[in-house]
Amino acid sequence: MAWRRGVREFLLHVDPAIPRSPAWRRVSSASHHRTIQAVPREASGGRAAAKERAQGRVPSVVVSLSGSAQLPREAPRQLLSTDAKQIKEILKQSPYFCTTPIQLQVRAGVRSSAVLQSGTVLPIKINTNKKTGEILNLIMAWAEKGKEILVKIPLEFKGEDACIGLKKGGYLHKVRNALKYECPLEHIPQKIDVDISNLDIGDKIFAHDLQVDSSLKLLSNKITVPLCEIKAPKPEANSDE
């Protein structure tokens, strides 16, 4: 009820020791998943990371890809800590997490409302434990509008139900599942569709066949390698009678 919320806000104002919920849970449900809430962390290394995860946190890093530093390992970085529950919620709502720009707020503390830094970031990599699904760490990059940024864009193959070659008994051989591009933040596609519906047996699709925005620059030295191919049916092995 409204009066209860008012009383709680009054008590929080007069007594800052009263526990407050994490900042990302205090914002509206319609917007909290669009802003990652983080706090600075000082310690790095395996032990420090394990301690973070034990406390329900995700060891995170945000890098600045500016000037000559175009690769994450070469760039200046900030050590951060993010909330594991929030990151999991974002992942559920963003199947293409690593190609989706998102807001980042760095606050003074987990329960602090003081914002030290904010801006748009692009998630670069998220590592998880393959057995348990636990999020191990998260790497992000500051992303300014209009700035060229390197991004790995996933390929999504479509049209299998209508594919001519598949109807003849062939099978789809996928060679690449993603491509690296350099493009402005505002033109990053979450995914690239690869339509195979018109492919016959022996047909291939190459990177230059894809329909992408003209601002995207393909970064690959394997342009002669196909993304996929419809291969002929495998001959059945003859069994001895």
Foldseek 3Di string as FASTA:
>chain_A
DVVVVVVVVVCCVVDVVPDDAFPLVPDDPVPSLQEWEKEADDDDDDVVLVVLVVVQKAWEKEFECDDPRQDRVRTDITTIITGQVSVVVNCVVQVLQQLDKGKYFYAHDRRDPHTPDIAIKGWADWDADPVPRRTRHTYIYGADAPDKHKGKAFEDEDQCVQAAAVVVVWDKFFDDGIFIKIAGSVQRDSHFYDYRNDAHAFDFAFPVNGDGDPRIGTDDPPRVDTRMGTHHHDDDDDDDD
